[in-house]
PDB file of N, CA and C in Angstrom:
ATOM      1  N   MET A   1       7.407   3.326  -9.357  1.00  0.00           N
ATOM      2  CA  MET A   1       7.082   1.488  -9.921  1.00  0.00           C
ATOM      3  C   MET A   1       5.812   1.119  -9.675  1.00  0.00           C
ATOM      4  N   ALA A   2       5.390   0.491  -7.893  1.00  0.00           N
ATOM      5  CA  ALA A   2       3.836   0.183  -7.913  1.00  0.00           C
ATOM      6  C   ALA A   2       3.135   0.243  -9.294  1.00  0.00           C
ATOM      7  N   ALA A   3       3.240   1.379  -9.809  1.00  0.00           N
ATOM      8  CA  ALA A   3       1.678   1.716  -9.831  1.00  0.00           C
ATOM      9  C   ALA A   3       2.438   1.452 -11.520  1.00  0.00           C
ATOM     10  N   GLN A   4       2.874   1.452 -12.025  1.00  0.00           N
ATOM     11  CA  GLN A   4       3.732   0.795 -13.608  1.00  0.00           C
ATOM     12  C   GLN A   4       3.328  -0.911 -12.845  1.00  0.00           C
ATOM     13  N   LEU A   5       3.911  -1.837 -12.258  1.00  0.00           N
ATOM     14  CA  LEU A   5       3.720  -2.887 -11.663  1.00  0.00           C
ATOM     15  C   LEU A   5       1.760  -3.392 -11.208  1.00  0.00           C
ATOM     16  N   GLY A   6       0.942  -2.265 -11.193  1.00  0.00           N
ATOM     17  CA  GLY A   6       0.049  -2.433 -10.756  1.00  0.00           C
ATOM     18  C   GLY A   6      -0.411  -3.420  -9.513  1.00  0.00           C
ATOM     19  N   PRO A   7      -1.893  -3.766  -9.291  1.00  0.00           N
ATOM     20  CA  PRO A   7      -2.199  -4.161  -8.039  1.00  0.00           C
ATOM     21  C   PRO A   7      -1.434  -5.046  -7.678  1.00  0.00           C
ATOM     22  N   THR A   8      -0.962  -5.162  -6.209  1.00  0.00           N
ATOM     23  CA  THR A   8       0.124  -6.451  -5.329  1.00  0.00           C
ATOM     24  C   THR A   8      -0.737  -7.061  -5.021  1.00  0.00           C
ATOM     25  N   ARG A   9      -1.353  -7.679  -5.330  1.00  0.00           N
ATOM     26  CA  ARG A   9      -2.654  -8.896  -4.420  1.00  0.00           C
ATOM     27  C   ARG A   9      -1.480  -9.884  -4.190  1.00  0.00           C
ATOM     28  N   PRO A  10      -1.715 -10.044  -3.022  1.00  0.00           N
ATOM     29  CA  PRO A  10      -0.679 -11.815  -2.942  1.00  0.00           C
ATOM     30  C   PRO A  10      -2.322 -12.771  -3.273  1.00  0.00           C
ATOM     31  N   ASP A  11      -1.443 -13.692  -3.721  1.00  0.00           N
ATOM     32  CA  ASP A  11      -2.166 -15.508  -3.500  1.00  0.00           C
ATOM     33  C   ASP A  11      -2.132 -15.751  -2.334  1.00  0.00           C
ATOM     34  N   ARG A  12      -1.460 -15.467  -1.030  1.00  0.00           N
ATOM     35  CA  ARG A  12      -2.038 -15.829   0.731  1.00  0.00           C
ATOM     36  C   ARG A  12      -1.601 -14.993   1.743  1.00  0.00           C
ATOM     37  N   LEU A  13      -2.584 -14.103   2.026  1.00  0.00           N
ATOM     38  CA  LEU A  13      -2.312 -13.334   3.180  1.00  0.00           C
ATOM     39  C   LEU A  13      -3.391 -14.315   4.799  1.00  0.00           C
ATOM     40  N   THR A  14      -1.813 -14.188   5.611  1.00  0.00           N
ATOM     41  CA  THR A  14      -2.594 -14.469   6.646  1.00  0.00           C
ATOM     42  C   THR A  14      -1.822 -13.996   7.963  1.00  0.00           C
ATOM     43  N   ILE A  15      -2.957 -13.775   8.854  1.00  0.00           N
ATOM     44  CA  ILE A  15      -2.709 -12.757   9.973  1.00  0.00           C
ATOM     45  C   ILE A  15      -2.579 -13.457  11.235  1.00  0.00           C
ATOM     46  N   TRP A  16      -1.267 -13.230  11.960  1.00  0.00           N
ATOM     47  CA  TRP A  16      -1.460 -14.576  13.449  1.00  0.00           C
ATOM     48  C   TRP A  16      -1.350 -13.538  14.224  1.00  0.00           C
ATOM     49  N   PRO A  17      -1.275 -13.882  15.616  1.00  0.00           N
ATOM     50  CA  PRO A  17      -0.509 -12.947  16.759  1.00  0.00           C
ATOM     51  C   PRO A  17      -0.101 -13.476  17.248  1.00  0.00           C
ATOM     52  N   LEU A  18       1.041 -11.991  17.631  1.00  0.00           N
ATOM     53  CA  LEU A  18       2.874 -12.920  18.306  1.00  0.00           C
ATOM     54  C   LEU A  18       2.523 -13.019  20.004  1.00  0.00           C
ATOM     55  N   ASP A  19       3.878 -13.843  20.346  1.00  0.00           N
ATOM     56  CA  ASP A  19       3.274 -13.830  21.921  1.00  0.00           C
ATOM     57  C   ASP A  19       2.819 -12.099  22.538  1.00  0.00           C
ATOM     58  N   THR A  20       4.155 -11.427  21.664  1.00  0.00           N
ATOM     59  CA  THR A  20       4.049 -10.270  22.329  1.00  0.00           C
ATOM     60  C   THR A  20       2.587  -9.363  21.873  1.00  0.00           C
ATOM     61  N   GLN A  21       2.403  -8.118  21.690  1.00  0.00           N
ATOM     62  CA  GLN A  21       1.506  -6.718  21.579  1.00  0.00           C
ATOM     63  C   GLN A  21       2.284  -7.310  20.038  1.00  0.00           C
ATOM     64  N   GLY A  22       0.883  -7.523  19.254  1.00  0.00           N
ATOM     65  CA  GLY A  22       1.050  -7.216  17.802  1.00  0.00           C
ATOM     66  C   GLY A  22       1.216  -8.122  16.554  1.00  0.00           C
ATOM     67  N   PHE A  23       0.458  -8.468  15.759  1.00  0.00           N
ATOM     68  CA  PHE A  23       1.227  -8.966  14.402  1.00  0.00           C
ATOM     69  C   PHE A  23       1.786 -10.007  13.927  1.00  0.00           C
ATOM     70  N   GLY A  24       1.912 -10.348  13.216  1.00  0.00           N
ATOM     71  CA  GLY A  24       2.826 -10.667  12.046  1.00  0.00           C
ATOM     72  C   GLY A  24       1.783 -10.993  11.127  1.00  0.00           C
ATOM     73  N   ILE A  25       2.457 -11.190  10.000  1.00  0.00           N
ATOM     74  CA  ILE A  25       1.097 -10.887   8.659  1.00  0.00           C
ATOM     75  C   ILE A  25       2.619 -11.495   7.456  1.00  0.00           C
ATOM     76  N   ASP A  26       2.235 -13.061   6.675  1.00  0.00           N
ATOM     77  CA  ASP A  26       2.905 -13.668   5.810  1.00  0.00           C
ATOM     78  C   ASP A  26       1.619 -13.330   4.700  1.00  0.00           C
ATOM     79  N   VAL A  27       2.761 -12.702   3.893  1.00  0.00           N
ATOM     80  CA  VAL A  27       2.143 -12.398   2.076  1.00  0.00           C
ATOM     81  C   VAL A  27       2.755 -13.354   1.567  1.00  0.00           C
ATOM     82  N   ARG A  28       1.949 -14.142   0.563  1.00  0.00           N
ATOM     83  CA  ARG A  28       2.754 -14.840  -0.518  1.00  0.00           C
ATOM     84  C   ARG A  28       2.547 -14.475  -2.427  1.00  0.00           C
ATOM     85  N   TRP A  29       3.103 -14.581  -3.091  1.00  0.00           N
ATOM     86  CA  TRP A  29       2.753 -14.521  -4.171  1.00  0.00           C
ATOM     87  C   TRP A  29       3.059 -16.075  -4.888  1.00  0.00           C
ATOM     88  N   ALA A  30       3.095 -16.010  -6.509  1.00  0.00           N
ATOM     89  CA  ALA A  30       3.691 -17.352  -6.973  1.00  0.00           C
ATOM     90  C   ALA A  30       4.289 -16.869  -8.071  1.00  0.00           C
ATOM     91  N   GLY A  31       5.215 -17.529  -8.756  1.00  0.00           N
ATOM     92  CA  GLY A  31       5.666 -16.783  -9.967  1.00  0.00           C
ATOM     93  C   GLY A  31       6.996 -15.898  -9.929  1.00  0.00           C
ATOM     94  N   GLY A  32       7.137 -15.195 -10.923  1.00  0.00           N
ATOM     95  CA  GLY A  32       8.386 -14.961 -11.587  1.00  0.00           C
ATOM     96  C   GLY A  32       7.992 -13.524 -11.339  1.00  0.00           C
ATOM     97  N   GLU A  33       6.601 -13.042 -11.474  1.00  0.00           N
ATOM     98  CA  GLU A  33       5.896 -11.987 -12.039  1.00  0.00           C
ATOM     99  C   GLU A  33       5.570 -11.665 -10.168  1.00  0.00           C
ATOM    100  N   GLY A  34       5.133 -12.406  -9.555  1.00  0.00           N
ATOM    101  CA  GLY A  34       5.276 -12.942  -7.321  1.00  0.00           C
ATOM    102  C   GLY A  34       6.095 -12.041  -6.819  1.00  0.00           C
ATOM    103  N   ASN A  35       7.225 -12.260  -7.310  1.00  0.00           N
ATOM    104  CA  ASN A  35       8.699 -12.499  -7.142  1.00  0.00           C
ATOM    105  C   ASN A  35       9.590 -10.781  -7.221  1.00  0.00           C
ATOM    106  N   ALA A  36       9.414 -10.126  -8.490  1.00  0.00           N
ATOM    107  CA  ALA A  36       8.076  -8.662  -8.003  1.00  0.00           C
ATOM    108  C   ALA A  36       7.712  -7.735  -7.747  1.00  0.00           C
ATOM    109  N   ARG A  37       7.190  -8.670  -7.671  1.00  0.00           N
ATOM    110  CA  ARG A  37       5.247  -8.056  -6.611  1.00  0.00           C
ATOM    111  C   ARG A  37       6.110  -8.198  -4.808  1.00  0.00           C
ATOM    112  N   ALA A  38       6.375  -9.299  -4.244  1.00  0.00           N
ATOM    113  CA  ALA A  38       7.065  -9.254  -3.195  1.00  0.00           C
ATOM    114  C   ALA A  38       7.977  -7.982  -2.770  1.00  0.00           C
ATOM    115  N   THR A  39       9.292  -8.073  -4.016  1.00  0.00           N
ATOM    116  CA  THR A  39      10.458  -7.110  -4.030  1.00  0.00           C
ATOM    117  C   THR A  39       9.971  -5.647  -4.015  1.00  0.00           C
ATOM    118  N   ILE A  40       9.013  -5.532  -4.360  1.00  0.00           N
ATOM    119  CA  ILE A  40       8.187  -3.751  -4.418  1.00  0.00           C
ATOM    120  C   ILE A  40       7.798  -3.561  -2.896  1.00  0.00           C
ATOM    121  N   VAL A  41       7.364  -4.658  -2.284  1.00  0.00           N
ATOM    122  CA  VAL A  41       6.327  -4.108  -1.806  1.00  0.00           C
ATOM    123  C   VAL A  41       6.702  -3.866  -0.195  1.00  0.00           C
ATOM    124  N   ARG A  42       8.651  -4.999   0.084  1.00  0.00           N
ATOM    125  CA  ARG A  42       9.026  -5.356   0.304  1.00  0.00           C
ATOM    126  C   ARG A  42       9.801  -3.533   1.229  1.00  0.00           C
ATOM    127  N   ARG A  43      10.260  -2.539   0.142  1.00  0.00           N
ATOM    128  CA  ARG A  43      11.200  -1.702  -0.267  1.00  0.00           C
ATOM    129  C   ARG A  43      10.009  -1.061   0.502  1.00  0.00           C
ATOM    130  N   LEU A  44       8.655  -1.138  -0.320  1.00  0.00           N
ATOM    131  CA  LEU A  44       7.768  -0.677   0.625  1.00  0.00           C
ATOM    132  C   LEU A  44       7.438   0.317   2.218  1.00  0.00           C
ATOM    133  N   LEU A  45       7.353  -1.437   2.441  1.00  0.00           N
ATOM    134  CA  LEU A  45       7.570  -1.297   3.438  1.00  0.00           C
ATOM    135  C   LEU A  45       8.639  -0.907   4.524  1.00  0.00           C
ATOM    136  N   GLN A  46       9.994  -1.421   3.884  1.00  0.00           N
ATOM    137  CA  GLN A  46      11.243  -0.981   5.063  1.00  0.00           C
ATOM    138  C   GLN A  46      11.595   0.704   4.853  1.00  0.00           C
ATOM    139  N   GLU A  47      10.942   1.472   4.121  1.00  0.00           N
ATOM    140  CA  GLU A  47      11.104   2.081   3.671  1.00  0.00           C
ATOM    141  C   GLU A  47       9.793   3.422   4.724  1.00  0.00           C
ATOM    142  N   ALA A  48       9.048   2.994   4.985  1.00  0.00           N
ATOM    143  CA  ALA A  48       8.183   3.395   5.719  1.00  0.00           C
ATOM    144  C   ALA A  48       8.363   2.869   7.391  1.00  0.00           C
ATOM    145  N   GLY A  49       9.466   1.999   7.368  1.00  0.00           N
ATOM    146  CA  GLY A  49      10.217   1.702   8.442  1.00  0.00           C
ATOM    147  C   GLY A  49       9.359   0.492   9.347  1.00  0.00           C
ATOM    148  N   ILE A  50       8.402  -0.375   8.470  1.00  0.00           N
ATOM    149  CA  ILE A  50       8.107  -1.530   8.837  1.00  0.00           C
ATOM    150  C   ILE A  50       9.304  -2.601   7.909  1.00  0.00           C
ATOM    151  N   ARG A  51       9.337  -3.538   9.299  1.00  0.00           N
ATOM    152  CA  ARG A  51      10.689  -5.076   9.308  1.00  0.00           C
ATOM    153  C   ARG A  51       9.560  -5.368   8.791  1.00  0.00           C
ATOM    154  N   ALA A  52      10.758  -6.126   7.477  1.00  0.00           N
ATOM    155  CA  ALA A  52       9.729  -7.248   6.559  1.00  0.00           C
ATOM    156  C   ALA A  52      11.048  -7.813   5.996  1.00  0.00           C
ATOM    157  N   ARG A  53      10.388  -9.409   5.757  1.00  0.00           N
ATOM    158  CA  ARG A  53      11.411  -9.798   5.664  1.00  0.00           C
ATOM    159  C   ARG A  53      11.151 -11.156   4.199  1.00  0.00           C
ATOM    160  N   LEU A  54      11.548 -10.841   3.058  1.00  0.00           N
ATOM    161  CA  LEU A  54      11.274 -11.993   1.578  1.00  0.00           C
ATOM    162  C   LEU A  54      12.381 -13.019   2.072  1.00  0.00           C
ATOM    163  N   THR A  55      12.053 -14.027   1.509  1.00  0.00           N
ATOM    164  CA  THR A  55      11.964 -14.953   1.746  1.00  0.00           C
ATOM    165  C   THR A  55      11.433 -15.656   0.741  1.00  0.00           C
ATOM    166  N   GLN A  56      12.274 -16.984  -0.207  1.00  0.00           N
ATOM    167  CA  GLN A  56      11.539 -17.583  -1.176  1.00  0.00           C
ATOM    168  C   GLN A  56      10.785 -19.828  -0.695  1.00  0.00           C
ATOM    169  N   HIS A  57       9.405 -19.477  -0.724  1.00  0.00           N
ATOM    170  CA  HIS A  57       9.372 -20.429  -0.536  1.00  0.00           C
ATOM    171  C   HIS A  57       9.752 -21.865  -0.224  1.00  0.00           C
ATOM    172  N   PRO A  58       9.475 -22.492  -0.050  1.00  0.00           N
ATOM    173  CA  PRO A  58      10.884 -24.053   0.281  1.00  0.00           C
ATOM    174  C   PRO A  58      10.091 -24.286  -0.934  1.00  0.00           C
ATOM    175  N   ASP A  59       9.117 -24.721  -1.843  1.00  0.00           N
ATOM    176  CA  ASP A  59       8.737 -25.719  -2.632  1.00  0.00           C
ATOM    177  C   ASP A  59       9.257 -24.963  -3.929  1.00  0.00           C
ATOM    178  N   GLY A  60      10.241 -23.589  -4.049  1.00  0.00           N
ATOM    179  CA  GLY A  60       9.906 -23.399  -4.636  1.00  0.00           C
ATOM    180  C   GLY A  60       9.575 -22.077  -5.590  1.00  0.00           C
ATOM    181  N   ARG A  61       8.577 -22.152  -5.525  1.00  0.00           N
ATOM    182  CA  ARG A  61       7.191 -21.659  -6.790  1.00  0.00           C
ATOM    183  C   ARG A  61       7.018 -20.278  -6.215  1.00  0.00           C
ATOM    184  N   GLY A  62       7.193 -19.541  -4.600  1.00  0.00           N
ATOM    185  CA  GLY A  62       6.246 -18.378  -4.476  1.00  0.00           C
ATOM    186  C   GLY A  62       7.736 -17.996  -3.729  1.00  0.00           C
ATOM    187  N   TRP A  63       6.980 -16.732  -3.358  1.00  0.00           N
ATOM    188  CA  TRP A  63       7.748 -15.538  -2.843  1.00  0.00           C
ATOM    189  C   TRP A  63       6.957 -14.643  -1.737  1.00  0.00           C
ATOM    190  N   GLU A  64       7.317 -15.509  -0.348  1.00  0.00           N
ATOM    191  CA  GLU A  64       6.408 -15.063   0.612  1.00  0.00           C
ATOM    192  C   GLU A  64       7.544 -13.740   1.684  1.00  0.00           C
ATOM    193  N   LEU A  65       6.694 -12.628   1.966  1.00  0.00           N
ATOM    194  CA  LEU A  65       6.619 -11.770   2.843  1.00  0.00           C
ATOM    195  C   LEU A  65       6.416 -11.823   5.232  1.00  0.00           C
ATOM    196  N   ARG A  66       7.723 -11.979   5.661  1.00  0.00           N
ATOM    197  CA  ARG A  66       7.524 -11.818   6.891  1.00  0.00           C
ATOM    198  C   ARG A  66       7.400 -10.703   7.677  1.00  0.00           C
ATOM    199  N   VAL A  67       5.981  -9.952   8.007  1.00  0.00           N
ATOM    200  CA  VAL A  67       6.081  -8.497   8.420  1.00  0.00           C
ATOM    201  C   VAL A  67       5.641  -8.512   9.567  1.00  0.00           C
ATOM    202  N   GLY A  68       6.968  -7.489   9.988  1.00  0.00           N
ATOM    203  CA  GLY A  68       6.276  -7.624  11.930  1.00  0.00           C
ATOM    204  C   GLY A  68       6.913  -7.335  12.518  1.00  0.00           C
ATOM    205  N   PRO A  69       7.210  -7.158  13.787  1.00  0.00           N
ATOM    206  CA  PRO A  69       5.530  -7.527  13.976  1.00  0.00           C
ATOM    207  C   PRO A  69       4.776  -5.707  14.050  1.00  0.00           C
ATOM    208  N   VAL A  70       3.465  -6.119  13.693  1.00  0.00           N
ATOM    209  CA  VAL A  70       2.835  -4.824  13.774  1.00  0.00           C
ATOM    210  C   VAL A  70       2.127  -4.369  14.543  1.00  0.00           C
ATOM    211  N   PRO A  71       1.605  -3.108  15.530  1.00  0.00           N
ATOM    212  CA  PRO A  71       1.181  -3.195  16.246  1.00  0.00           C
ATOM    213  C   PRO A  71      -0.417  -3.933  15.799  1.00  0.00           C
ATOM    214  N   ALA A  72      -1.608  -4.627  16.786  1.00  0.00           N
ATOM    215  CA  ALA A  72      -2.958  -4.428  16.297  1.00  0.00           C
ATOM    216  C   ALA A  72      -3.709  -2.890  15.774  1.00  0.00           C
ATOM    217  N   GLU A  73      -3.562  -2.145  15.963  1.00  0.00           N
ATOM    218  CA  GLU A  73      -4.127  -1.204  15.642  1.00  0.00           C
ATOM    219  C   GLU A  73      -3.395   0.028  13.804  1.00  0.00           C
ATOM    220  N   ASP A  74      -2.349  -1.112  13.522  1.00  0.00           N
ATOM    221  CA  ASP A  74      -2.308  -0.603  12.162  1.00  0.00           C
ATOM    222  C   ASP A  74      -1.888  -1.625  11.207  1.00  0.00           C
ATOM    223  N   VAL A  75      -2.828  -3.347  11.832  1.00  0.00           N
ATOM    224  CA  VAL A  75      -2.904  -4.384  10.664  1.00  0.00           C
ATOM    225  C   VAL A  75      -3.841  -4.004   9.548  1.00  0.00           C
ATOM    226  N   ALA A  76      -4.701  -3.358   9.684  1.00  0.00           N
ATOM    227  CA  ALA A  76      -5.592  -3.649   8.625  1.00  0.00           C
ATOM    228  C   ALA A  76      -4.769  -2.161   7.482  1.00  0.00           C
ATOM    229  N   LYS A  77      -4.557  -1.204   8.301  1.00  0.00           N
ATOM    230  CA  LYS A  77      -3.861  -0.060   7.492  1.00  0.00           C
ATOM    231  C   LYS A  77      -2.237  -0.709   6.791  1.00  0.00           C
ATOM    232  N   VAL A  78      -1.406  -1.218   7.507  1.00  0.00           N
ATOM    233  CA  VAL A  78      -0.714  -2.147   6.594  1.00  0.00           C
ATOM    234  C   VAL A  78      -0.863  -2.914   5.187  1.00  0.00           C
ATOM    235  N   ILE A  79      -1.540  -3.595   5.826  1.00  0.00           N
ATOM    236  CA  ILE A  79      -2.432  -4.394   3.966  1.00  0.00           C
ATOM    237  C   ILE A  79      -2.757  -3.570   3.387  1.00  0.00           C
ATOM    238  N   ASP A  80      -4.144  -2.848   3.456  1.00  0.00           N
ATOM    239  CA  ASP A  80      -4.278  -1.463   2.806  1.00  0.00           C
ATOM    240  C   ASP A  80      -3.200  -1.085   2.316  1.00  0.00           C
ATOM    241  N   GLN A  81      -2.997  -0.504   2.704  1.00  0.00           N
ATOM    242  CA  GLN A  81      -1.691   0.325   2.055  1.00  0.00           C
ATOM    243  C   GLN A  81      -0.462  -0.032   1.495  1.00  0.00           C
ATOM    244  N   PHE A  82      -0.530  -1.257   1.449  1.00  0.00           N
ATOM    245  CA  PHE A  82       1.657  -1.497   1.283  1.00  0.00           C
ATOM    246  C   PHE A  82       0.845  -3.033   0.371  1.00  0.00           C
ATOM    247  N   VAL A  83       0.341  -3.403   0.943  1.00  0.00           N
ATOM    248  CA  VAL A  83       0.459  -5.135   0.785  1.00  0.00           C
ATOM    249  C   VAL A  83      -0.765  -5.618  -0.288  1.00  0.00           C
ATOM    250  N   TRP A  84      -1.908  -4.604  -0.477  1.00  0.00           N
ATOM    251  CA  TRP A  84      -3.072  -5.323  -0.990  1.00  0.00           C
ATOM    252  C   TRP A  84      -3.109  -4.057  -2.420  1.00  0.00           C
TER     253      TRP A  84
END
């Protein structure tokens, strides 16, 4: 299904340090197609055992995944394999 959708490149990507070891990754997509992309990426992350919470952005025009915690050594891999 992800291949049919095409690239899942987000409109915004933010990486931030957590108090404990690791990082959080916030990923945002806009519009109806963004909802589909966010849902698919969330499913892929969950199947890989990576926590991700999907929410609608407060402005109602976007969808955001909060991913993590992600160990520092895995941040680039998570982005490359699942988000981008």
